[in-house]
PDB file of N, CA and C in Angstrom:
ATOM      1  N   MET A   1       0.811  -1.186  -0.076  1.00  0.00           N
ATOM      2  CA  MET A   1      -0.064   0.034  -0.046  1.00  0.00           C
ATOM      3  C   MET A   1       0.946   1.167  -0.067  1.00  0.00           C
ATOM      4  N   LYS A   2       2.020   1.276   0.738  1.00  0.00           N
ATOM      5  CA  LYS A   2       2.846   2.286   0.733  1.00  0.00           C
ATOM      6  C   LYS A   2       3.328   2.642  -0.673  1.00  0.00           C
ATOM      7  N   LYS A   3       3.806   1.532  -1.297  1.00  0.00           N
ATOM      8  CA  LYS A   3       4.386   1.701  -2.668  1.00  0.00           C
ATOM      9  C   LYS A   3       3.361   2.396  -3.699  1.00  0.00           C
ATOM     10  N   ILE A   4       1.975   1.992  -3.446  1.00  0.00           N
ATOM     11  CA  ILE A   4       0.957   2.560  -4.367  1.00  0.00           C
ATOM     12  C   ILE A   4       0.775   4.058  -4.058  1.00  0.00           C
ATOM     13  N   ALA A   5       0.820   4.438  -2.764  1.00  0.00           N
ATOM     14  CA  ALA A   5       0.676   5.771  -2.374  1.00  0.00           C
ATOM     15  C   ALA A   5       1.897   6.677  -2.759  1.00  0.00           C
ATOM     16  N   LEU A   6       2.990   6.123  -2.655  1.00  0.00           N
ATOM     17  CA  LEU A   6       4.241   6.814  -3.253  1.00  0.00           C
ATOM     18  C   LEU A   6       4.210   6.855  -4.684  1.00  0.00           C
ATOM     19  N   PHE A   7       3.701   5.897  -5.518  1.00  0.00           N
ATOM     20  CA  PHE A   7       3.512   6.018  -6.882  1.00  0.00           C
ATOM     21  C   PHE A   7       2.576   7.191  -7.309  1.00  0.00           C
ATOM     22  N   PHE A   8       1.410   7.215  -6.632  1.00  0.00           N
ATOM     23  CA  PHE A   8       0.506   8.339  -6.899  1.00  0.00           C
ATOM     24  C   PHE A   8       1.006   9.668  -6.568  1.00  0.00           C
ATOM     25  N   LEU A   9       1.707   9.747  -5.487  1.00  0.00           N
ATOM     26  CA  LEU A   9       2.413  11.118  -5.097  1.00  0.00           C
ATOM     27  C   LEU A   9       3.401  11.498  -6.093  1.00  0.00           C
ATOM     28  N   THR A  10       4.182  10.557  -6.580  1.00  0.00           N
ATOM     29  CA  THR A  10       5.151  10.823  -7.635  1.00  0.00           C
ATOM     30  C   THR A  10       4.419  11.217  -8.987  1.00  0.00           C
ATOM     31  N   LEU A  11       3.464  10.513  -9.353  1.00  0.00           N
ATOM     32  CA  LEU A  11       2.700  10.954 -10.489  1.00  0.00           C
ATOM     33  C   LEU A  11       2.040  12.246 -10.406  1.00  0.00           C
ATOM     34  N   TYR A  12       1.530  12.571  -9.227  1.00  0.00           N
ATOM     35  CA  TYR A  12       0.944  14.000  -8.885  1.00  0.00           C
ATOM     36  C   TYR A  12       2.042  14.984  -9.128  1.00  0.00           C
ATOM     37  N   GLN A  13       3.196  14.659  -8.592  1.00  0.00           N
ATOM     38  CA  GLN A  13       4.236  15.812  -8.586  1.00  0.00           C
ATOM     39  C   GLN A  13       4.795  16.002 -10.024  1.00  0.00           C
ATOM     40  N   LYS A  14       4.816  14.868 -10.744  1.00  0.00           N
ATOM     41  CA  LYS A  14       5.324  15.049 -12.176  1.00  0.00           C
ATOM     42  C   LYS A  14       4.321  15.865 -13.034  1.00  0.00           C
ATOM     43  N   PHE A  15       2.999  15.397 -12.820  1.00  0.00           N
ATOM     44  CA  PHE A  15       1.968  15.832 -13.726  1.00  0.00           C
ATOM     45  C   PHE A  15       1.358  17.278 -13.400  1.00  0.00           C
ATOM     46  N   PHE A  16       0.968  17.415 -12.115  1.00  0.00           N
ATOM     47  CA  PHE A  16       0.314  18.642 -11.760  1.00  0.00           C
ATOM     48  C   PHE A  16       1.249  19.816 -11.388  1.00  0.00           C
ATOM     49  N   THR A  17       2.589  19.585 -11.291  1.00  0.00           N
ATOM     50  CA  THR A  17       3.347  20.627 -11.211  1.00  0.00           C
ATOM     51  C   THR A  17       3.606  21.460 -12.435  1.00  0.00           C
ATOM     52  N   LEU A  18       3.338  20.712 -13.510  1.00  0.00           N
ATOM     53  CA  LEU A  18       3.383  21.595 -14.811  1.00  0.00           C
ATOM     54  C   LEU A  18       2.399  22.655 -14.904  1.00  0.00           C
ATOM     55  N   PHE A  19       1.292  22.632 -14.114  1.00  0.00           N
ATOM     56  CA  PHE A  19       0.201  23.521 -14.190  1.00  0.00           C
ATOM     57  C   PHE A  19       0.036  24.480 -12.981  1.00  0.00           C
ATOM     58  N   SER A  20       0.752  24.262 -11.940  1.00  0.00           N
ATOM     59  CA  SER A  20       0.720  25.004 -10.760  1.00  0.00           C
ATOM     60  C   SER A  20       1.948  26.023 -10.680  1.00  0.00           C
ATOM     61  N   TYR A  21       1.675  26.995  -9.782  1.00  0.00           N
ATOM     62  CA  TYR A  21       2.759  28.079  -9.785  1.00  0.00           C
ATOM     63  C   TYR A  21       3.155  28.307  -8.334  1.00  0.00           C
ATOM     64  N   GLY A  22       3.540  27.029  -7.667  1.00  0.00           N
ATOM     65  CA  GLY A  22       4.014  27.187  -6.362  1.00  0.00           C
ATOM     66  C   GLY A  22       2.986  27.623  -5.337  1.00  0.00           C
ATOM     67  N   SER A  23       1.805  27.090  -5.315  1.00  0.00           N
ATOM     68  CA  SER A  23       0.664  27.481  -4.375  1.00  0.00           C
ATOM     69  C   SER A  23       0.821  26.918  -3.055  1.00  0.00           C
ATOM     70  N   CYS A  24       1.669  26.103  -2.716  1.00  0.00           N
ATOM     71  CA  CYS A  24       1.793  25.493  -1.402  1.00  0.00           C
ATOM     72  C   CYS A  24       2.386  26.495  -0.336  1.00  0.00           C
ATOM     73  N   ARG A  25       1.786  26.661   0.706  1.00  0.00           N
ATOM     74  CA  ARG A  25       2.165  27.709   1.782  1.00  0.00           C
ATOM     75  C   ARG A  25       3.326  27.142   2.590  1.00  0.00           C
ATOM     76  N   TYR A  26       3.699  25.842   2.459  1.00  0.00           N
ATOM     77  CA  TYR A  26       4.733  25.387   3.289  1.00  0.00           C
ATOM     78  C   TYR A  26       5.924  24.905   2.601  1.00  0.00           C
ATOM     79  N   TYR A  27       7.030  24.754   3.342  1.00  0.00           N
ATOM     80  CA  TYR A  27       8.167  24.122   2.798  1.00  0.00           C
ATOM     81  C   TYR A  27       8.510  22.883   3.846  1.00  0.00           C
ATOM     82  N   PRO A  28       8.757  21.736   3.291  1.00  0.00           N
ATOM     83  CA  PRO A  28       8.576  21.222   1.968  1.00  0.00           C
ATOM     84  C   PRO A  28       7.109  21.176   1.519  1.00  0.00           C
ATOM     85  N   THR A  29       6.845  21.139   0.183  1.00  0.00           N
ATOM     86  CA  THR A  29       5.508  21.298  -0.238  1.00  0.00           C
ATOM     87  C   THR A  29       4.657  20.059   0.290  1.00  0.00           C
ATOM     88  N   CYS A  30       3.357  20.146   0.368  1.00  0.00           N
ATOM     89  CA  CYS A  30       2.525  19.182   0.960  1.00  0.00           C
ATOM     90  C   CYS A  30       2.739  17.757   0.307  1.00  0.00           C
ATOM     91  N   SER A  31       2.895  17.763  -1.017  1.00  0.00           N
ATOM     92  CA  SER A  31       3.210  16.408  -1.627  1.00  0.00           C
ATOM     93  C   SER A  31       4.448  15.772  -1.292  1.00  0.00           C
ATOM     94  N   GLU A  32       5.554  16.577  -1.079  1.00  0.00           N
ATOM     95  CA  GLU A  32       6.786  16.215  -0.619  1.00  0.00           C
ATOM     96  C   GLU A  32       6.839  15.688   0.800  1.00  0.00           C
ATOM     97  N   TYR A  33       6.097  16.460   1.615  1.00  0.00           N
ATOM     98  CA  TYR A  33       5.948  16.159   2.979  1.00  0.00           C
ATOM     99  C   TYR A  33       5.221  14.816   3.070  1.00  0.00           C
ATOM    100  N   ALA A  34       4.101  14.488   2.281  1.00  0.00           N
ATOM    101  CA  ALA A  34       3.405  13.232   2.312  1.00  0.00           C
ATOM    102  C   ALA A  34       4.289  12.101   1.910  1.00  0.00           C
ATOM    103  N   LYS A  35       5.191  12.360   0.818  1.00  0.00           N
ATOM    104  CA  LYS A  35       6.141  11.253   0.472  1.00  0.00           C
ATOM    105  C   LYS A  35       7.081  10.891   1.519  1.00  0.00           C
ATOM    106  N   TRP A  36       7.623  11.924   2.263  1.00  0.00           N
ATOM    107  CA  TRP A  36       8.561  11.594   3.296  1.00  0.00           C
ATOM    108  C   TRP A  36       7.848  10.877   4.453  1.00  0.00           C
ATOM    109  N   GLN A  37       6.643  11.326   4.818  1.00  0.00           N
ATOM    110  CA  GLN A  37       5.859  10.490   5.757  1.00  0.00           C
ATOM    111  C   GLN A  37       5.563   9.060   5.386  1.00  0.00           C
ATOM    112  N   PHE A  38       5.232   8.791   4.187  1.00  0.00           N
ATOM    113  CA  PHE A  38       4.986   7.414   3.783  1.00  0.00           C
ATOM    114  C   PHE A  38       6.322   6.653   3.702  1.00  0.00           C
ATOM    115  N   GLU A  39       7.433   7.347   3.496  1.00  0.00           N
ATOM    116  CA  GLU A  39       8.629   6.516   3.516  1.00  0.00           C
ATOM    117  C   GLU A  39       9.077   6.087   4.924  1.00  0.00           C
ATOM    118  N   LYS A  40       8.854   6.984   5.860  1.00  0.00           N
ATOM    119  CA  LYS A  40       9.372   6.783   7.145  1.00  0.00           C
ATOM    120  C   LYS A  40       8.311   6.376   8.310  1.00  0.00           C
ATOM    121  N   ASN A  41       7.040   6.383   8.071  1.00  0.00           N
ATOM    122  CA  ASN A  41       6.081   6.055   9.102  1.00  0.00           C
ATOM    123  C   ASN A  41       5.112   4.979   8.553  1.00  0.00           C
ATOM    124  N   SER A  42       4.388   4.452   9.495  1.00  0.00           N
ATOM    125  CA  SER A  42       3.316   3.472   9.050  1.00  0.00           C
ATOM    126  C   SER A  42       2.222   4.122   8.147  1.00  0.00           C
ATOM    127  N   LEU A  43       1.553   3.267   7.427  1.00  0.00           N
ATOM    128  CA  LEU A  43       0.541   3.768   6.457  1.00  0.00           C
ATOM    129  C   LEU A  43      -0.494   4.611   6.984  1.00  0.00           C
ATOM    130  N   PHE A  44      -1.136   4.290   8.072  1.00  0.00           N
ATOM    131  CA  PHE A  44      -2.134   5.111   8.669  1.00  0.00           C
ATOM    132  C   PHE A  44      -1.662   6.403   9.319  1.00  0.00           C
ATOM    133  N   LYS A  45      -0.559   6.286   9.990  1.00  0.00           N
ATOM    134  CA  LYS A  45       0.038   7.531  10.605  1.00  0.00           C
ATOM    135  C   LYS A  45       0.473   8.466   9.476  1.00  0.00           C
ATOM    136  N   ALA A  46       1.071   7.928   8.457  1.00  0.00           N
ATOM    137  CA  ALA A  46       1.358   8.847   7.308  1.00  0.00           C
ATOM    138  C   ALA A  46       0.142   9.518   6.684  1.00  0.00           C
ATOM    139  N   PHE A  47      -0.824   8.708   6.395  1.00  0.00           N
ATOM    140  CA  PHE A  47      -2.012   9.340   5.862  1.00  0.00           C
ATOM    141  C   PHE A  47      -2.657  10.341   6.772  1.00  0.00           C
ATOM    142  N   GLY A  48      -2.720  10.025   8.014  1.00  0.00           N
ATOM    143  CA  GLY A  48      -3.335  11.038   8.881  1.00  0.00           C
ATOM    144  C   GLY A  48      -2.582  12.394   9.027  1.00  0.00           C
ATOM    145  N   LEU A  49      -1.344  12.225   9.150  1.00  0.00           N
ATOM    146  CA  LEU A  49      -0.416  13.489   9.172  1.00  0.00           C
ATOM    147  C   LEU A  49      -0.402  14.209   7.852  1.00  0.00           C
ATOM    148  N   SER A  50      -0.499  13.567   6.773  1.00  0.00           N
ATOM    149  CA  SER A  50      -0.433  14.097   5.498  1.00  0.00           C
ATOM    150  C   SER A  50      -1.674  14.895   5.246  1.00  0.00           C
ATOM    151  N   LEU A  51      -2.843  14.278   5.696  1.00  0.00           N
ATOM    152  CA  LEU A  51      -4.097  14.834   5.503  1.00  0.00           C
ATOM    153  C   LEU A  51      -4.302  16.083   6.381  1.00  0.00           C
ATOM    154  N   PHE A  52      -3.770  16.090   7.617  1.00  0.00           N
ATOM    155  CA  PHE A  52      -3.799  17.150   8.549  1.00  0.00           C
ATOM    156  C   PHE A  52      -2.975  18.345   8.031  1.00  0.00           C
ATOM    157  N   ARG A  53      -1.834  17.969   7.370  1.00  0.00           N
ATOM    158  CA  ARG A  53      -1.006  19.014   6.684  1.00  0.00           C
ATOM    159  C   ARG A  53      -1.778  19.698   5.594  1.00  0.00           C
ATOM    160  N   ILE A  54      -2.431  18.835   4.625  1.00  0.00           N
ATOM    161  CA  ILE A  54      -3.132  19.440   3.559  1.00  0.00           C
ATOM    162  C   ILE A  54      -4.257  20.271   3.916  1.00  0.00           C
ATOM    163  N   LEU A  55      -5.023  19.945   5.038  1.00  0.00           N
ATOM    164  CA  LEU A  55      -6.003  20.819   5.595  1.00  0.00           C
ATOM    165  C   LEU A  55      -5.511  22.093   6.153  1.00  0.00           C
ATOM    166  N   ARG A  56      -4.368  22.131   6.523  1.00  0.00           N
ATOM    167  CA  ARG A  56      -3.633  23.351   7.073  1.00  0.00           C
ATOM    168  C   ARG A  56      -3.112  24.157   5.959  1.00  0.00           C
ATOM    169  N   CYS A  57      -3.040  23.813   4.656  1.00  0.00           N
ATOM    170  CA  CYS A  57      -2.505  24.561   3.640  1.00  0.00           C
ATOM    171  C   CYS A  57      -3.579  25.488   2.918  1.00  0.00           C
ATOM    172  N   ASN A  58      -3.897  26.471   3.662  1.00  0.00           N
ATOM    173  CA  ASN A  58      -4.774  27.507   3.198  1.00  0.00           C
ATOM    174  C   ASN A  58      -4.556  28.909   3.726  1.00  0.00           C
ATOM    175  N   GLN A  59      -5.361  29.783   3.417  1.00  0.00           N
ATOM    176  CA  GLN A  59      -5.135  31.228   3.880  1.00  0.00           C
ATOM    177  C   GLN A  59      -5.280  31.430   5.309  1.00  0.00           C
ATOM    178  N   LEU A  60      -5.904  30.482   6.071  1.00  0.00           N
ATOM    179  CA  LEU A  60      -6.282  30.660   7.475  1.00  0.00           C
ATOM    180  C   LEU A  60      -4.965  30.380   8.355  1.00  0.00           C
ATOM    181  N   PHE A  61      -3.968  29.658   7.763  1.00  0.00           N
ATOM    182  CA  PHE A  61      -2.798  29.292   8.552  1.00  0.00           C
ATOM    183  C   PHE A  61      -1.645  30.040   7.914  1.00  0.00           C
ATOM    184  N   ARG A  62      -0.640  30.196   8.676  1.00  0.00           N
ATOM    185  CA  ARG A  62       0.544  31.088   8.426  1.00  0.00           C
ATOM    186  C   ARG A  62       1.395  30.536   7.353  1.00  0.00           C
ATOM    187  N   GLY A  63       1.550  29.165   7.349  1.00  0.00           N
ATOM    188  CA  GLY A  63       2.509  28.357   6.432  1.00  0.00           C
ATOM    189  C   GLY A  63       3.962  28.609   6.972  1.00  0.00           C
ATOM    190  N   GLY A  64       4.883  28.374   6.123  1.00  0.00           N
ATOM    191  CA  GLY A  64       6.371  28.450   6.479  1.00  0.00           C
ATOM    192  C   GLY A  64       7.047  27.098   6.445  1.00  0.00           C
ATOM    193  N   ILE A  65       8.098  26.920   7.196  1.00  0.00           N
ATOM    194  CA  ILE A  65       8.797  25.685   7.187  1.00  0.00           C
ATOM    195  C   ILE A  65       8.215  24.727   8.203  1.00  0.00           C
ATOM    196  N   ASP A  66       7.824  23.515   7.643  1.00  0.00           N
ATOM    197  CA  ASP A  66       7.237  22.517   8.581  1.00  0.00           C
ATOM    198  C   ASP A  66       7.742  21.172   8.136  1.00  0.00           C
ATOM    199  N   TYR A  67       8.842  20.717   8.758  1.00  0.00           N
ATOM    200  CA  TYR A  67       9.416  19.384   8.456  1.00  0.00           C
ATOM    201  C   TYR A  67       8.649  18.387   9.191  1.00  0.00           C
ATOM    202  N   PRO A  68       8.612  17.179   8.589  1.00  0.00           N
ATOM    203  CA  PRO A  68       8.009  16.017   9.250  1.00  0.00           C
ATOM    204  C   PRO A  68       8.790  15.553  10.500  1.00  0.00           C
ATOM    205  N   VAL A  69       7.906  15.212  11.531  1.00  0.00           N
ATOM    206  CA  VAL A  69       8.624  14.754  12.810  1.00  0.00           C
ATOM    207  C   VAL A  69       8.313  13.153  12.749  1.00  0.00           C
ATOM    208  N   VAL A  70       9.420  12.426  13.061  1.00  0.00           N
ATOM    209  CA  VAL A  70       9.325  11.063  13.210  1.00  0.00           C
ATOM    210  C   VAL A  70       9.972  10.647  14.460  1.00  0.00           C
ATOM    211  N   LYS A  71       9.425   9.436  15.006  1.00  0.00           N
ATOM    212  CA  LYS A  71       9.867   8.835  16.224  1.00  0.00           C
ATOM    213  C   LYS A  71      11.019   7.847  15.899  1.00  0.00           C
ATOM    214  N   LYS A  72      12.165   7.863  16.543  1.00  0.00           N
ATOM    215  CA  LYS A  72      13.181   6.912  16.320  1.00  0.00           C
ATOM    216  C   LYS A  72      13.963   6.806  17.466  1.00  0.00           C
ATOM    217  N   SER A  73      14.171   5.487  17.871  1.00  0.00           N
ATOM    218  CA  SER A  73      14.985   5.135  18.919  1.00  0.00           C
ATOM    219  C   SER A  73      16.457   5.015  18.613  1.00  0.00           C
ATOM    220  N   LEU A  74      17.322   5.702  19.298  1.00  0.00           N
ATOM    221  CA  LEU A  74      18.749   5.677  19.009  1.00  0.00           C
ATOM    222  C   LEU A  74      19.521   4.972  20.224  1.00  0.00           C
ATOM    223  N   ASN A  75      18.818   3.912  20.881  1.00  0.00           N
ATOM    224  CA  ASN A  75      19.468   3.117  21.945  1.00  0.00           C
ATOM    225  C   ASN A  75      20.652   2.295  21.510  1.00  0.00           C
ATOM    226  N   SER A  76      20.698   1.825  20.369  1.00  0.00           N
ATOM    227  CA  SER A  76      21.775   0.907  19.857  1.00  0.00           C
ATOM    228  C   SER A  76      23.158   1.626  19.703  1.00  0.00           C
ATOM    229  N   LYS A  77      24.250   1.088  19.971  1.00  0.00           N
ATOM    230  CA  LYS A  77      25.415   1.705  19.958  1.00  0.00           C
ATOM    231  C   LYS A  77      25.972   1.342  18.309  1.00  0.00           C
ATOM    232  N   ARG A  78      26.422   2.274  17.782  1.00  0.00           N
ATOM    233  CA  ARG A  78      27.005   2.068  16.539  1.00  0.00           C
ATOM    234  C   ARG A  78      28.414   2.431  16.496  1.00  0.00           C
ATOM    235  N   VAL A  79      29.272   1.572  16.016  1.00  0.00           N
ATOM    236  CA  VAL A  79      30.654   1.592  16.012  1.00  0.00           C
ATOM    237  C   VAL A  79      31.078   1.651  14.501  1.00  0.00           C
ATOM    238  N   CYS A  80      31.883   2.601  14.165  1.00  0.00           N
ATOM    239  CA  CYS A  80      32.528   2.744  12.763  1.00  0.00           C
ATOM    240  C   CYS A  80      33.945   2.255  12.811  1.00  0.00           C
ATOM    241  N   TYR A  81      34.328   1.464  12.036  1.00  0.00           N
ATOM    242  CA  TYR A  81      35.667   1.064  11.817  1.00  0.00           C
ATOM    243  C   TYR A  81      36.178   1.642  10.443  1.00  0.00           C
ATOM    244  N   HIS A  82      37.464   1.870  10.389  1.00  0.00           N
ATOM    245  CA  HIS A  82      38.123   2.373   9.176  1.00  0.00           C
ATOM    246  C   HIS A  82      38.420   1.132   8.277  1.00  0.00           C
ATOM    247  N   ASN A  83      37.844   1.214   7.083  1.00  0.00           N
ATOM    248  CA  ASN A  83      38.064   0.104   6.204  1.00  0.00           C
ATOM    249  C   ASN A  83      38.503   0.642   4.828  1.00  0.00           C
ATOM    250  N   ALA A  84      39.441   0.266   4.307  1.00  0.00           N
ATOM    251  CA  ALA A  84      39.919   0.889   2.909  1.00  0.00           C
ATOM    252  C   ALA A  84      38.980   0.442   1.912  1.00  0.00           C
ATOM    253  N   ASP A  85      38.274  -0.710   2.050  1.00  0.00           N
ATOM    254  CA  ASP A  85      37.344  -1.181   0.963  1.00  0.00           C
ATOM    255  C   ASP A  85      35.957  -0.772   1.212  1.00  0.00           C
ATOM    256  N   ALA A  86      35.730   0.157   2.181  1.00  0.00           N
ATOM    257  CA  ALA A  86      34.391   0.607   2.633  1.00  0.00           C
ATOM    258  C   ALA A  86      33.727   1.221   1.349  1.00  0.00           C
ATOM    259  N   LYS A  87      32.353   0.928   1.295  1.00  0.00           N
ATOM    260  CA  LYS A  87      31.603   1.565   0.227  1.00  0.00           C
ATOM    261  C   LYS A  87      31.194   2.998   0.529  1.00  0.00           C
ATOM    262  N   LYS A  88      30.793   3.676  -0.419  1.00  0.00           N
ATOM    263  CA  LYS A  88      30.435   5.101  -0.252  1.00  0.00           C
ATOM    264  C   LYS A  88      29.005   5.031   0.376  1.00  0.00           C
ATOM    265  N   ILE A  89      28.664   5.867   1.387  1.00  0.00           N
ATOM    266  CA  ILE A  89      27.480   6.009   2.177  1.00  0.00           C
ATOM    267  C   ILE A  89      26.734   7.057   1.528  1.00  0.00           C
ATOM    268  N   ILE A  90      25.401   6.882   1.013  1.00  0.00           N
ATOM    269  CA  ILE A  90      24.659   7.867   0.540  1.00  0.00           C
ATOM    270  C   ILE A  90      23.700   8.233   1.658  1.00  0.00           C
ATOM    271  N   VAL A  91      23.570   9.472   2.084  1.00  0.00           N
ATOM    272  CA  VAL A  91      22.718   9.883   3.111  1.00  0.00           C
ATOM    273  C   VAL A  91      21.391  10.433   2.351  1.00  0.00           C
ATOM    274  N   GLN A  92      20.283   9.819   2.637  1.00  0.00           N
ATOM    275  CA  GLN A  92      19.109  10.317   1.949  1.00  0.00           C
ATOM    276  C   GLN A  92      18.307  11.349   2.939  1.00  0.00           C
ATOM    277  N   PHE A  93      18.334  11.023   4.252  1.00  0.00           N
ATOM    278  CA  PHE A  93      17.588  11.921   5.255  1.00  0.00           C
ATOM    279  C   PHE A  93      18.525  12.241   6.418  1.00  0.00           C
ATOM    280  N   TRP A  94      18.383  13.356   6.996  1.00  0.00           N
ATOM    281  CA  TRP A  94      18.987  13.686   8.188  1.00  0.00           C
ATOM    282  C   TRP A  94      17.916  13.707   9.234  1.00  0.00           C
ATOM    283  N   PHE A  95      18.331  13.232  10.471  1.00  0.00           N
ATOM    284  CA  PHE A  95      17.491  13.313  11.639  1.00  0.00           C
ATOM    285  C   PHE A  95      18.052  14.325  12.565  1.00  0.00           C
ATOM    286  N   VAL A  96      17.275  15.400  12.750  1.00  0.00           N
ATOM    287  CA  VAL A  96      17.649  16.473  13.594  1.00  0.00           C
ATOM    288  C   VAL A  96      16.861  16.408  14.894  1.00  0.00           C
ATOM    289  N   PRO A  97      17.505  16.237  16.028  1.00  0.00           N
ATOM    290  CA  PRO A  97      16.881  16.105  17.323  1.00  0.00           C
ATOM    291  C   PRO A  97      15.833  17.118  17.491  1.00  0.00           C
ATOM    292  N   LYS A  98      14.660  16.794  18.107  1.00  0.00           N
ATOM    293  CA  LYS A  98      13.556  17.702  18.487  1.00  0.00           C
ATOM    294  C   LYS A  98      13.495  17.521  20.082  1.00  0.00           C
ATOM    295  N   GLU A  99      13.001  16.500  20.482  1.00  0.00           N
ATOM    296  CA  GLU A  99      12.849  16.188  21.944  1.00  0.00           C
ATOM    297  C   GLU A  99      12.738  14.763  22.200  1.00  0.00           C
ATOM    298  N   GLY A 100      13.289  14.127  23.168  1.00  0.00           N
ATOM    299  CA  GLY A 100      13.195  12.657  23.502  1.00  0.00           C
ATOM    300  C   GLY A 100      13.549  11.919  22.293  1.00  0.00           C
ATOM    301  N   ASP A 101      12.661  11.042  21.905  1.00  0.00           N
ATOM    302  CA  ASP A 101      12.953  10.064  20.731  1.00  0.00           C
ATOM    303  C   ASP A 101      12.376  10.667  19.379  1.00  0.00           C
ATOM    304  N   TYR A 102      11.962  11.957  19.419  1.00  0.00           N
ATOM    305  CA  TYR A 102      11.438  12.588  18.111  1.00  0.00           C
ATOM    306  C   TYR A 102      12.536  13.507  17.458  1.00  0.00           C
ATOM    307  N   PHE A 103      12.383  13.265  16.037  1.00  0.00           N
ATOM    308  CA  PHE A 103      13.470  14.002  15.230  1.00  0.00           C
ATOM    309  C   PHE A 103      12.675  14.640  14.127  1.00  0.00           C
ATOM    310  N   TYR A 104      13.340  15.811  13.658  1.00  0.00           N
ATOM    311  CA  TYR A 104      12.801  16.414  12.397  1.00  0.00           C
ATOM    312  C   TYR A 104      13.463  15.655  11.295  1.00  0.00           C
ATOM    313  N   LEU A 105      12.711  15.385  10.214  1.00  0.00           N
ATOM    314  CA  LEU A 105      13.189  14.666   9.083  1.00  0.00           C
ATOM    315  C   LEU A 105      13.469  15.599   8.085  1.00  0.00           C
ATOM    316  N   ILE A 106      14.763  15.738   7.568  1.00  0.00           N
ATOM    317  CA  ILE A 106      15.202  16.726   6.546  1.00  0.00           C
ATOM    318  C   ILE A 106      15.904  15.937   5.497  1.00  0.00           C
ATOM    319  N   LYS A 107      15.413  16.192   4.273  1.00  0.00           N
ATOM    320  CA  LYS A 107      16.116  15.521   3.092  1.00  0.00           C
ATOM    321  C   LYS A 107      17.279  16.100   2.615  1.00  0.00           C
ATOM    322  N   THR A 108      18.233  15.266   2.202  1.00  0.00           N
ATOM    323  CA  THR A 108      19.500  15.768   1.634  1.00  0.00           C
ATOM    324  C   THR A 108      19.287  16.363   0.191  1.00  0.00           C
ATOM    325  N   PHE A 109      19.833  17.417  -0.074  1.00  0.00           N
ATOM    326  CA  PHE A 109      19.940  17.980  -1.493  1.00  0.00           C
ATOM    327  C   PHE A 109      20.595  17.068  -2.472  1.00  0.00           C
ATOM    328  N   LYS A 110      20.142  17.018  -3.601  1.00  0.00           N
ATOM    329  CA  LYS A 110      20.876  16.167  -4.581  1.00  0.00           C
ATOM    330  C   LYS A 110      22.161  16.947  -5.203  1.00  0.00           C
ATOM    331  N   ARG A 111      23.054  16.292  -5.276  1.00  0.00           N
ATOM    332  CA  ARG A 111      24.345  16.837  -5.884  1.00  0.00           C
ATOM    333  C   ARG A 111      24.542  16.508  -7.241  1.00  0.00           C
ATOM    334  N   ASN A 112      25.030  17.371  -8.097  1.00  0.00           N
ATOM    335  CA  ASN A 112      25.297  16.933  -9.517  1.00  0.00           C
ATOM    336  C   ASN A 112      26.667  16.473  -9.784  1.00  0.00           C
TER     337      ASN A 112
END
């Protein structure tokens, strides 16, 4: 179900951005916010948070920067060893601490 939702969001972004002029009041846009939610949260939670965000995207709300918040436990210890044959790590999202086990989800910009 997540893959279907992500497919329709990608289709929406490709097709409807040809006709719109940046009418979303938030950064990241509501469709990008929804994609990030579906990638990192459960189906129902992502749907609910995305719907709530879309309902806030109007003239009654201020808008601005509104990154998704995800819950992530960092209890496990991670040890990095130097290895000459190590593969390149590609960072897709950054987790910026908010409070407790909650983090802002910020996507990495693509480099050419």
